[in-house]
Amino acid sequence: MGASILIGILITFLVIILVLYLVQRLPIDGRTRQIVQMIVIIIGIVSLLKYLAIW
């Protein structure tokens, strides 16, 4: 059971990193890019907390 939680956390973290990388590649201005990155980070943190059953 502990290994499955660790694998799930790792996969979630890798998906967050991939989405942040793809956001960097988008042809949008800097301010909009920062807003999108913050939204992705917040969603990522919430999903990690839900996966850990903290929230």
PDB file of N, CA and C in Angstrom:
ATOM      1  N   MET A   1       0.827  -1.192   0.000  1.00  0.00           N
ATOM      2  CA  MET A   1       0.000   0.000   0.000  1.00  0.00           C
ATOM      3  C   MET A   1       0.872   1.258   0.000  1.00  0.00           C
ATOM      4  N   GLY A   2       1.957   1.265   0.743  1.00  0.00           N
ATOM      5  CA  GLY A   2       2.828   2.425   0.792  1.00  0.00           C
ATOM      6  C   GLY A   2       3.489   2.697  -0.543  1.00  0.00           C
ATOM      7  N   ALA A   3       3.820   1.612  -1.274  1.00  0.00           N
ATOM      8  CA  ALA A   3       4.466   1.784  -2.576  1.00  0.00           C
ATOM      9  C   ALA A   3       3.499   2.391  -3.588  1.00  0.00           C
ATOM     10  N   SER A   4       2.228   2.015  -3.522  1.00  0.00           N
ATOM     11  CA  SER A   4       1.260   2.559  -4.480  1.00  0.00           C
ATOM     12  C   SER A   4       1.035   4.055  -4.235  1.00  0.00           C
ATOM     13  N   ILE A   5       1.054   4.470  -2.975  1.00  0.00           N
ATOM     14  CA  ILE A   5       0.918   5.899  -2.672  1.00  0.00           C
ATOM     15  C   ILE A   5       2.119   6.659  -3.197  1.00  0.00           C
ATOM     16  N   LEU A   6       3.311   6.087  -2.997  1.00  0.00           N
ATOM     17  CA  LEU A   6       4.530   6.729  -3.472  1.00  0.00           C
ATOM     18  C   LEU A   6       4.550   6.837  -4.990  1.00  0.00           C
ATOM     19  N   ILE A   7       4.113   5.811  -5.684  1.00  0.00           N
ATOM     20  CA  ILE A   7       4.060   5.837  -7.147  1.00  0.00           C
ATOM     21  C   ILE A   7       3.042   6.872  -7.619  1.00  0.00           C
ATOM     22  N   GLY A   8       1.899   6.950  -6.967  1.00  0.00           N
ATOM     23  CA  GLY A   8       0.885   7.941  -7.324  1.00  0.00           C
ATOM     24  C   GLY A   8       1.380   9.361  -7.131  1.00  0.00           C
ATOM     25  N   ILE A   9       2.091   9.599  -6.033  1.00  0.00           N
ATOM     26  CA  ILE A   9       2.648  10.927  -5.783  1.00  0.00           C
ATOM     27  C   ILE A   9       3.685  11.265  -6.847  1.00  0.00           C
ATOM     28  N   LEU A  10       4.523  10.302  -7.187  1.00  0.00           N
ATOM     29  CA  LEU A  10       5.552  10.526  -8.199  1.00  0.00           C
ATOM     30  C   LEU A  10       4.938  10.835  -9.563  1.00  0.00           C
ATOM     31  N   ILE A  11       3.912  10.097  -9.944  1.00  0.00           N
ATOM     32  CA  ILE A  11       3.248  10.333 -11.227  1.00  0.00           C
ATOM     33  C   ILE A  11       2.588  11.713 -11.236  1.00  0.00           C
ATOM     34  N   THR A  12       1.927  12.071 -10.150  1.00  0.00           N
ATOM     35  CA  THR A  12       1.300  13.394 -10.065  1.00  0.00           C
ATOM     36  C   THR A  12       2.345  14.496 -10.180  1.00  0.00           C
ATOM     37  N   PHE A  13       3.469  14.337  -9.487  1.00  0.00           N
ATOM     38  CA  PHE A  13       4.539  15.322  -9.546  1.00  0.00           C
ATOM     39  C   PHE A  13       5.099  15.446 -10.962  1.00  0.00           C
ATOM     40  N   LEU A  14       5.294  14.330 -11.643  1.00  0.00           N
ATOM     41  CA  LEU A  14       5.811  14.363 -13.010  1.00  0.00           C
ATOM     42  C   LEU A  14       4.833  15.029 -13.973  1.00  0.00           C
ATOM     43  N   VAL A  15       3.548  14.801 -13.778  1.00  0.00           N
ATOM     44  CA  VAL A  15       2.537  15.450 -14.621  1.00  0.00           C
ATOM     45  C   VAL A  15       2.555  16.959 -14.402  1.00  0.00           C
ATOM     46  N   ILE A  16       2.698  17.389 -13.156  1.00  0.00           N
ATOM     47  CA  ILE A  16       2.767  18.823 -12.867  1.00  0.00           C
ATOM     48  C   ILE A  16       3.975  19.442 -13.565  1.00  0.00           C
ATOM     49  N   ILE A  17       5.126  18.777 -13.470  1.00  0.00           N
ATOM     50  CA  ILE A  17       6.344  19.282 -14.117  1.00  0.00           C
ATOM     51  C   ILE A  17       6.157  19.343 -15.633  1.00  0.00           C
ATOM     52  N   LEU A  18       5.535  18.325 -16.220  1.00  0.00           N
ATOM     53  CA  LEU A  18       5.302  18.307 -17.666  1.00  0.00           C
ATOM     54  C   LEU A  18       4.386  19.445 -18.097  1.00  0.00           C
ATOM     55  N   VAL A  19       3.318  19.675 -17.353  1.00  0.00           N
ATOM     56  CA  VAL A  19       2.389  20.751 -17.703  1.00  0.00           C
ATOM     57  C   VAL A  19       3.067  22.115 -17.569  1.00  0.00           C
ATOM     58  N   LEU A  20       3.886  22.287 -16.520  1.00  0.00           N
ATOM     59  CA  LEU A  20       4.610  23.550 -16.374  1.00  0.00           C
ATOM     60  C   LEU A  20       5.583  23.760 -17.537  1.00  0.00           C
ATOM     61  N   TYR A  21       6.224  22.700 -17.987  1.00  0.00           N
ATOM     62  CA  TYR A  21       7.128  22.802 -19.132  1.00  0.00           C
ATOM     63  C   TYR A  21       6.348  23.195 -20.395  1.00  0.00           C
ATOM     64  N   LEU A  22       5.198  22.587 -20.593  1.00  0.00           N
ATOM     65  CA  LEU A  22       4.391  22.902 -21.775  1.00  0.00           C
ATOM     66  C   LEU A  22       3.859  24.328 -21.722  1.00  0.00           C
ATOM     67  N   VAL A  23       3.539  24.818 -20.535  1.00  0.00           N
ATOM     68  CA  VAL A  23       3.096  26.206 -20.397  1.00  0.00           C
ATOM     69  C   VAL A  23       4.227  27.152 -20.796  1.00  0.00           C
ATOM     70  N   GLN A  24       5.461  26.807 -20.426  1.00  0.00           N
ATOM     71  CA  GLN A  24       6.609  27.638 -20.808  1.00  0.00           C
ATOM     72  C   GLN A  24       6.763  27.720 -22.320  1.00  0.00           C
ATOM     73  N   ARG A  25       6.365  26.684 -23.032  1.00  0.00           N
ATOM     74  CA  ARG A  25       6.519  26.638 -24.483  1.00  0.00           C
ATOM     75  C   ARG A  25       5.415  27.383 -25.230  1.00  0.00           C
ATOM     76  N   LEU A  26       4.350  27.776 -24.537  1.00  0.00           N
ATOM     77  CA  LEU A  26       3.244  28.469 -25.189  1.00  0.00           C
ATOM     78  C   LEU A  26       3.652  29.882 -25.590  1.00  0.00           C
ATOM     79  N   PRO A  27       3.180  30.332 -26.744  1.00  0.00           N
ATOM     80  CA  PRO A  27       3.509  31.702 -27.178  1.00  0.00           C
ATOM     81  C   PRO A  27       2.565  32.743 -26.579  1.00  0.00           C
ATOM     82  N   ILE A  28       2.657  32.935 -25.267  1.00  0.00           N
ATOM     83  CA  ILE A  28       1.825  33.928 -24.591  1.00  0.00           C
ATOM     84  C   ILE A  28       2.742  34.892 -23.837  1.00  0.00           C
ATOM     85  N   ASP A  29       2.180  36.032 -23.449  1.00  0.00           N
ATOM     86  CA  ASP A  29       3.008  37.030 -22.761  1.00  0.00           C
ATOM     87  C   ASP A  29       3.344  36.574 -21.337  1.00  0.00           C
ATOM     88  N   GLY A  30       4.299  37.245 -20.738  1.00  0.00           N
ATOM     89  CA  GLY A  30       4.845  36.826 -19.459  1.00  0.00           C
ATOM     90  C   GLY A  30       3.856  36.825 -18.312  1.00  0.00           C
ATOM     91  N   ARG A  31       3.023  37.845 -18.238  1.00  0.00           N
ATOM     92  CA  ARG A  31       2.067  37.938 -17.125  1.00  0.00           C
ATOM     93  C   ARG A  31       1.046  36.805 -17.177  1.00  0.00           C
ATOM     94  N   THR A  32       0.529  36.534 -18.361  1.00  0.00           N
ATOM     95  CA  THR A  32      -0.440  35.449 -18.519  1.00  0.00           C
ATOM     96  C   THR A  32       0.213  34.107 -18.211  1.00  0.00           C
ATOM     97  N   ARG A  33       1.460  33.946 -18.627  1.00  0.00           N
ATOM     98  CA  ARG A  33       2.189  32.696 -18.372  1.00  0.00           C
ATOM     99  C   ARG A  33       2.352  32.484 -16.866  1.00  0.00           C
ATOM    100  N   GLN A  34       2.659  33.546 -16.122  1.00  0.00           N
ATOM    101  CA  GLN A  34       2.800  33.425 -14.674  1.00  0.00           C
ATOM    102  C   GLN A  34       1.488  33.031 -14.008  1.00  0.00           C
ATOM    103  N   ILE A  35       0.398  33.610 -14.487  1.00  0.00           N
ATOM    104  CA  ILE A  35      -0.914  33.275 -13.933  1.00  0.00           C
ATOM    105  C   ILE A  35      -1.244  31.808 -14.186  1.00  0.00           C
ATOM    106  N   VAL A  36      -0.997  31.344 -15.402  1.00  0.00           N
ATOM    107  CA  VAL A  36      -1.269  29.945 -15.732  1.00  0.00           C
ATOM    108  C   VAL A  36      -0.384  29.019 -14.898  1.00  0.00           C
ATOM    109  N   GLN A  37       0.882  29.390 -14.705  1.00  0.00           N
ATOM    110  CA  GLN A  37       1.780  28.561 -13.896  1.00  0.00           C
ATOM    111  C   GLN A  37       1.297  28.479 -12.449  1.00  0.00           C
ATOM    112  N   MET A  38       0.838  29.582 -11.904  1.00  0.00           N
ATOM    113  CA  MET A  38       0.326  29.564 -10.534  1.00  0.00           C
ATOM    114  C   MET A  38      -0.921  28.694 -10.415  1.00  0.00           C
ATOM    115  N   ILE A  39      -1.801  28.757 -11.413  1.00  0.00           N
ATOM    116  CA  ILE A  39      -2.999  27.918 -11.410  1.00  0.00           C
ATOM    117  C   ILE A  39      -2.611  26.444 -11.452  1.00  0.00           C
ATOM    118  N   VAL A  40      -1.637  26.094 -12.301  1.00  0.00           N
ATOM    119  CA  VAL A  40      -1.181  24.699 -12.403  1.00  0.00           C
ATOM    120  C   VAL A  40      -0.579  24.246 -11.079  1.00  0.00           C
ATOM    121  N   ILE A  41       0.213  25.090 -10.440  1.00  0.00           N
ATOM    122  CA  ILE A  41       0.831  24.721  -9.167  1.00  0.00           C
ATOM    123  C   ILE A  41      -0.225  24.526  -8.083  1.00  0.00           C
ATOM    124  N   ILE A  42      -1.214  25.410  -8.035  1.00  0.00           N
ATOM    125  CA  ILE A  42      -2.274  25.276  -7.035  1.00  0.00           C
ATOM    126  C   ILE A  42      -3.071  23.998  -7.262  1.00  0.00           C
ATOM    127  N   ILE A  43      -3.426  23.716  -8.508  1.00  0.00           N
ATOM    128  CA  ILE A  43      -4.156  22.482  -8.811  1.00  0.00           C
ATOM    129  C   ILE A  43      -3.310  21.260  -8.456  1.00  0.00           C
ATOM    130  N   GLY A  44      -2.006  21.344  -8.723  1.00  0.00           N
ATOM    131  CA  GLY A  44      -1.121  20.240  -8.391  1.00  0.00           C
ATOM    132  C   GLY A  44      -1.043  19.990  -6.895  1.00  0.00           C
ATOM    133  N   ILE A  45      -0.940  21.060  -6.113  1.00  0.00           N
ATOM    134  CA  ILE A  45      -0.881  20.905  -4.663  1.00  0.00           C
ATOM    135  C   ILE A  45      -2.184  20.327  -4.125  1.00  0.00           C
ATOM    136  N   VAL A  46      -3.300  20.814  -4.644  1.00  0.00           N
ATOM    137  CA  VAL A  46      -4.601  20.293  -4.203  1.00  0.00           C
ATOM    138  C   VAL A  46      -4.738  18.815  -4.553  1.00  0.00           C
ATOM    139  N   SER A  47      -4.293  18.426  -5.744  1.00  0.00           N
ATOM    140  CA  SER A  47      -4.402  17.019  -6.127  1.00  0.00           C
ATOM    141  C   SER A  47      -3.493  16.142  -5.275  1.00  0.00           C
ATOM    142  N   LEU A  48      -2.306  16.644  -4.924  1.00  0.00           N
ATOM    143  CA  LEU A  48      -1.433  15.872  -4.036  1.00  0.00           C
ATOM    144  C   LEU A  48      -2.047  15.728  -2.648  1.00  0.00           C
ATOM    145  N   LEU A  49      -2.652  16.797  -2.153  1.00  0.00           N
ATOM    146  CA  LEU A  49      -3.285  16.716  -0.840  1.00  0.00           C
ATOM    147  C   LEU A  49      -4.470  15.760  -0.853  1.00  0.00           C
ATOM    148  N   LYS A  50      -5.233  15.771  -1.929  1.00  0.00           N
ATOM    149  CA  LYS A  50      -6.359  14.827  -2.024  1.00  0.00           C
ATOM    150  C   LYS A  50      -5.846  13.394  -2.147  1.00  0.00           C
ATOM    151  N   TYR A  51      -4.741  13.212  -2.864  1.00  0.00           N
ATOM    152  CA  TYR A  51      -4.200  11.865  -3.024  1.00  0.00           C
ATOM    153  C   TYR A  51      -3.702  11.332  -1.681  1.00  0.00           C
ATOM    154  N   LEU A  52      -3.150  12.195  -0.872  1.00  0.00           N
ATOM    155  CA  LEU A  52      -2.670  11.783   0.444  1.00  0.00           C
ATOM    156  C   LEU A  52      -3.800  11.722   1.487  1.00  0.00           C
ATOM    157  N   ALA A  53      -5.014  12.039   1.064  1.00  0.00           N
ATOM    158  CA  ALA A  53      -6.203  12.029   1.918  1.00  0.00           C
ATOM    159  C   ALA A  53      -6.062  13.004   3.082  1.00  0.00           C
ATOM    160  N   ILE A  54      -5.383  14.128   2.836  1.00  0.00           N
ATOM    161  CA  ILE A  54      -5.246  15.159   3.853  1.00  0.00           C
ATOM    162  C   ILE A  54      -6.404  16.143   3.735  1.00  0.00           C
ATOM    163  N   TRP A  55      -6.868  16.331   2.516  1.00  0.00           N
ATOM    164  CA  TRP A  55      -7.916  17.322   2.285  1.00  0.00           C
ATOM    165  C   TRP A  55      -9.031  16.763   1.482  1.00  0.00           C
TER     166      TRP A  55
END
